[in-house]
């Protein structure tokens, strides 16, 4: 049972009746130590509650951090997988380009070889054309010389007539050379 203690305050105009359930905080009463103990118990309970709340909050934060860490790991794994696929695709594209470039280089080398063969054929064709032009030039020089020799024979009508007559006689004798040679052999070589 709690003893009843009255607490008189000289500043109070009217004295108060004593309280049974909770004594007032007086400096001269024996209750301050009990009050301090109760207050320290209440403070300890509050501190324990706060500590429990902080511990629970800390555990929730750690759990959230672990979940975030797991999700970040998954995200990083996914991103690294995507990057690896991108790098693989880029490498395949580079390999394809390199293959195309090698094929193109082989085709160019083949074309250059054919070009060399064609170049050889072109040089031979060029030389053949030069030889044909030289032969044609010689023929033109021969025809020019022949025409220069025949022009004096054709200046007048009588010279033209005589030249044509001799030319026809030469053609006929050429065609009938066997007869002409026999005939000349009969008259020229015959011992009479």
Protein backbone atom coordinates (compact mmCIF):
# COMPACT_ATOMS: atom_id res chain seq x y z
CA UNK A 1 0.00 0.00 0.00
CA UNK A 2 1.18 3.44 -0.88
CA UNK A 3 1.41 5.89 2.03
CA UNK A 4 -0.52 9.07 1.69
CA UNK A 5 1.68 12.08 1.71
CA UNK A 6 0.46 15.61 1.36
CA UNK A 7 2.48 17.99 -0.53
CA UNK A 8 2.23 21.60 0.51
CA UNK A 9 3.30 24.27 -1.83
CA UNK A 10 3.46 27.78 -0.22
CA UNK A 11 2.79 29.35 -3.60
CA UNK A 12 -0.56 27.58 -3.75
CA UNK A 13 -3.31 29.67 -2.12
CA UNK A 14 -5.44 26.62 -1.38
CA UNK A 15 -3.98 23.40 0.02
CA UNK A 16 -4.85 20.33 -2.01
CA UNK A 17 -6.06 17.04 -0.70
CA UNK A 18 -3.60 14.18 -0.86
CA UNK A 19 -3.67 11.84 -3.85
CA UNK A 20 -3.82 8.11 -3.28
CA UNK A 21 -2.72 6.64 -6.52
CA UNK A 22 0.19 8.91 -7.46
CA UNK A 23 2.11 11.14 -5.12
CA UNK A 24 3.11 14.56 -6.39
CA UNK A 25 6.75 15.20 -7.02
CA UNK A 26 7.99 16.89 -3.96
CA UNK A 27 11.53 17.48 -3.06
CA UNK A 28 11.15 16.60 0.57
CA UNK A 29 9.14 13.39 0.08
CA UNK A 30 10.58 9.86 -0.23
CA UNK A 31 8.87 9.42 -3.60
CA UNK A 32 11.40 11.04 -5.92
CA UNK A 33 13.52 7.92 -6.01
CA UNK A 34 10.46 5.79 -6.77
CA UNK A 35 9.41 8.25 -9.43
CA UNK A 36 12.86 8.25 -10.85
CA UNK A 37 12.82 4.49 -10.94
CA UNK A 38 9.43 4.45 -12.64
CA UNK A 39 10.54 7.13 -15.04
CA UNK A 40 13.71 5.24 -15.78
CA UNK A 41 11.64 2.07 -16.33
CA UNK A 42 9.34 3.98 -18.66
CA UNK A 43 12.38 5.50 -20.38
CA UNK A 44 13.97 2.07 -20.63
CA UNK A 45 10.79 0.65 -22.11
CA UNK A 46 10.62 3.51 -24.54
CA UNK A 47 14.29 3.05 -25.40
CA UNK A 48 13.70 -0.67 -25.84
CA UNK A 49 10.72 0.07 -28.08
CA UNK A 50 12.78 2.55 -30.07
CA UNK A 51 15.66 0.10 -30.21
CA UNK A 52 13.29 -2.65 -31.36
CA UNK A 53 11.80 -0.29 -33.94
CA UNK A 54 15.27 0.72 -35.13
CA UNK A 55 16.39 -2.92 -35.22
CA UNK A 56 13.29 -3.88 -37.17
CA UNK A 57 13.81 -0.91 -39.50
CA UNK A 58 17.45 -1.89 -39.87
CA UNK A 59 16.45 -5.48 -40.70
CA UNK A 60 13.92 -4.22 -43.25
CA UNK A 61 16.56 -1.96 -44.78
CA UNK A 62 19.05 -4.83 -44.94
CA UNK A 63 16.38 -7.03 -46.53
CA UNK A 64 15.58 -4.26 -49.05
CA UNK A 65 19.29 -3.82 -49.78
CA UNK A 66 19.68 -7.57 -50.30
CA UNK A 67 16.70 -7.57 -52.67
CA UNK A 68 18.10 -4.56 -54.53
CA UNK A 69 21.48 -6.28 -54.69
CA UNK A 70 19.90 -9.43 -56.12
CA UNK A 71 17.92 -7.39 -58.66
CA UNK A 72 21.05 -5.42 -59.59
CA UNK A 73 22.98 -8.68 -60.02
CA UNK A 74 20.24 -9.99 -62.30
CA UNK A 75 20.19 -6.72 -64.20
CA UNK A 76 23.99 -6.71 -64.57
CA UNK A 77 23.93 -10.36 -65.66
CA UNK A 78 21.24 -9.57 -68.23
CA UNK A 79 23.11 -6.50 -69.47
CA UNK A 80 26.38 -8.42 -69.70
CA UNK A 81 24.58 -11.19 -71.60
CA UNK A 82 23.09 -8.60 -73.97
CA UNK A 83 26.49 -6.96 -74.41
CA UNK A 84 28.09 -10.33 -75.07
CA UNK A 85 25.45 -11.01 -77.73
CA UNK A 86 26.03 -7.55 -79.25
CA UNK A 87 29.78 -8.16 -79.28
CA UNK A 88 29.23 -11.60 -80.84
CA UNK A 89 27.00 -10.08 -83.53
CA UNK A 90 29.57 -7.34 -84.18
CA UNK A 91 32.32 -9.96 -84.46
CA UNK A 92 30.21 -11.99 -86.90
CA UNK A 93 29.52 -8.84 -88.94
CA UNK A 94 33.24 -8.05 -88.98
CA UNK A 95 34.03 -11.63 -90.00
CA UNK A 96 31.48 -11.37 -92.81
CA UNK A 97 32.99 -8.08 -93.96
CA UNK A 98 36.49 -9.56 -93.84
CA UNK A 99 35.32 -12.56 -95.88
CA UNK A 100 33.69 -10.26 -98.43
CA UNK A 101 36.84 -8.14 -98.63
CA UNK A 102 39.02 -11.24 -99.10
CA UNK A 103 36.69 -12.50 -101.83
CA UNK A 104 36.73 -9.09 -103.49
CA UNK A 105 40.53 -9.01 -103.29
CA UNK A 106 40.75 -12.48 -104.87
CA UNK A 107 38.40 -11.36 -107.65
CA UNK A 108 40.52 -8.25 -108.22
CA UNK A 109 43.66 -10.38 -108.39
CA UNK A 110 41.93 -12.67 -110.86
CA UNK A 111 40.84 -9.67 -112.92
CA UNK A 112 44.41 -8.33 -112.79
CA UNK A 113 45.74 -11.69 -113.96
CA UNK A 114 43.18 -11.74 -116.75
CA UNK A 115 44.09 -8.14 -117.41
CA UNK A 116 47.72 -9.17 -117.73
CA UNK A 117 46.70 -11.95 -120.09
CA UNK A 118 44.42 -9.54 -121.87
CA UNK A 119 47.25 -7.03 -121.79
CA UNK A 120 49.50 -9.57 -123.46
CA UNK A 121 46.78 -10.28 -126.00
CA UNK A 122 46.30 -6.55 -126.46
CA UNK A 123 49.99 -5.99 -127.03
CA UNK A 124 50.05 -8.87 -129.51
CA UNK A 125 46.97 -7.48 -131.23
CA UNK A 126 48.57 -4.04 -131.28
CA UNK A 127 51.75 -5.48 -132.81
CA UNK A 128 49.69 -7.41 -135.38
CA UNK A 129 47.82 -4.24 -136.29
CA UNK A 130 51.15 -2.40 -136.61
CA UNK A 131 52.48 -5.16 -138.92
CA UNK A 132 49.28 -5.02 -141.03
CA UNK A 133 49.56 -1.25 -141.23
CA UNK A 134 53.18 -1.59 -142.33
CA UNK A 135 52.19 -4.12 -145.04
CA UNK A 136 49.38 -1.83 -146.19
CA UNK A 137 51.84 1.07 -146.24
CA UNK A 138 54.24 -0.97 -148.41
CA UNK A 139 51.35 -1.89 -150.74
CA UNK A 140 50.31 1.74 -150.96
CA UNK A 141 53.89 2.74 -151.75
CA UNK A 142 54.03 0.04 -154.44
CA UNK A 143 50.69 1.13 -155.92
CA UNK A 144 51.78 4.74 -155.78
CA UNK A 145 55.02 3.90 -157.55
CA UNK A 146 53.15 1.84 -160.15
CA UNK A 147 50.64 4.61 -160.78
CA UNK A 148 53.47 7.13 -161.07
CA UNK A 149 55.04 4.89 -163.69
CA UNK A 150 51.76 4.41 -165.55
CA UNK A 151 50.65 8.03 -165.52
CA UNK A 152 53.04 9.05 -168.33
CA UNK A 153 51.71 6.14 -170.35
CA UNK A 154 48.17 7.45 -170.05
CA UNK A 155 48.55 11.16 -170.71
CA UNK A 156 47.14 11.04 -174.22
CA UNK A 157 44.51 8.90 -175.95
CA UNK A 158 46.94 7.08 -178.12
CA UNK A 159 49.20 6.24 -175.17
CA UNK A 160 46.19 5.03 -173.19
CA UNK A 161 45.04 2.86 -176.11
CA UNK A 162 48.49 1.35 -176.56
CA UNK A 163 48.85 0.72 -172.82
CA UNK A 164 45.47 -1.00 -172.59
CA UNK A 165 46.31 -3.08 -175.66
CA UNK A 166 49.59 -4.21 -174.12
CA UNK A 167 47.88 -4.92 -170.80
CA UNK A 168 45.21 -7.06 -172.48
CA UNK A 169 47.88 -8.87 -174.48
CA UNK A 170 49.80 -9.61 -171.25
CA UNK A 171 46.66 -10.93 -169.50
CA UNK A 172 45.75 -13.18 -172.43
CA UNK A 173 49.26 -14.51 -172.73
CA UNK A 174 49.41 -15.12 -168.99
CA UNK A 175 46.19 -17.11 -169.07
CA UNK A 176 47.30 -19.09 -172.04
CA UNK A 177 50.92 -19.46 -171.04
CA UNK A 178 51.05 -23.11 -171.99
CA UNK A 179 49.94 -22.38 -175.52
CA UNK A 180 52.24 -19.37 -175.78
CA UNK A 181 55.23 -21.30 -174.50
CA UNK A 182 54.55 -24.17 -176.92
CA UNK A 183 54.04 -21.77 -179.78
CA UNK A 184 57.21 -19.83 -178.99
CA UNK A 185 59.04 -23.08 -178.53
CA UNK A 186 57.95 -24.21 -182.00
CA UNK A 187 59.15 -21.09 -183.76
CA UNK A 188 62.07 -19.99 -181.72
CA UNK A 189 63.66 -23.27 -180.82
CA UNK A 190 62.86 -25.22 -183.89
CA UNK A 191 65.86 -26.02 -186.09
CA UNK A 192 64.89 -25.22 -189.54
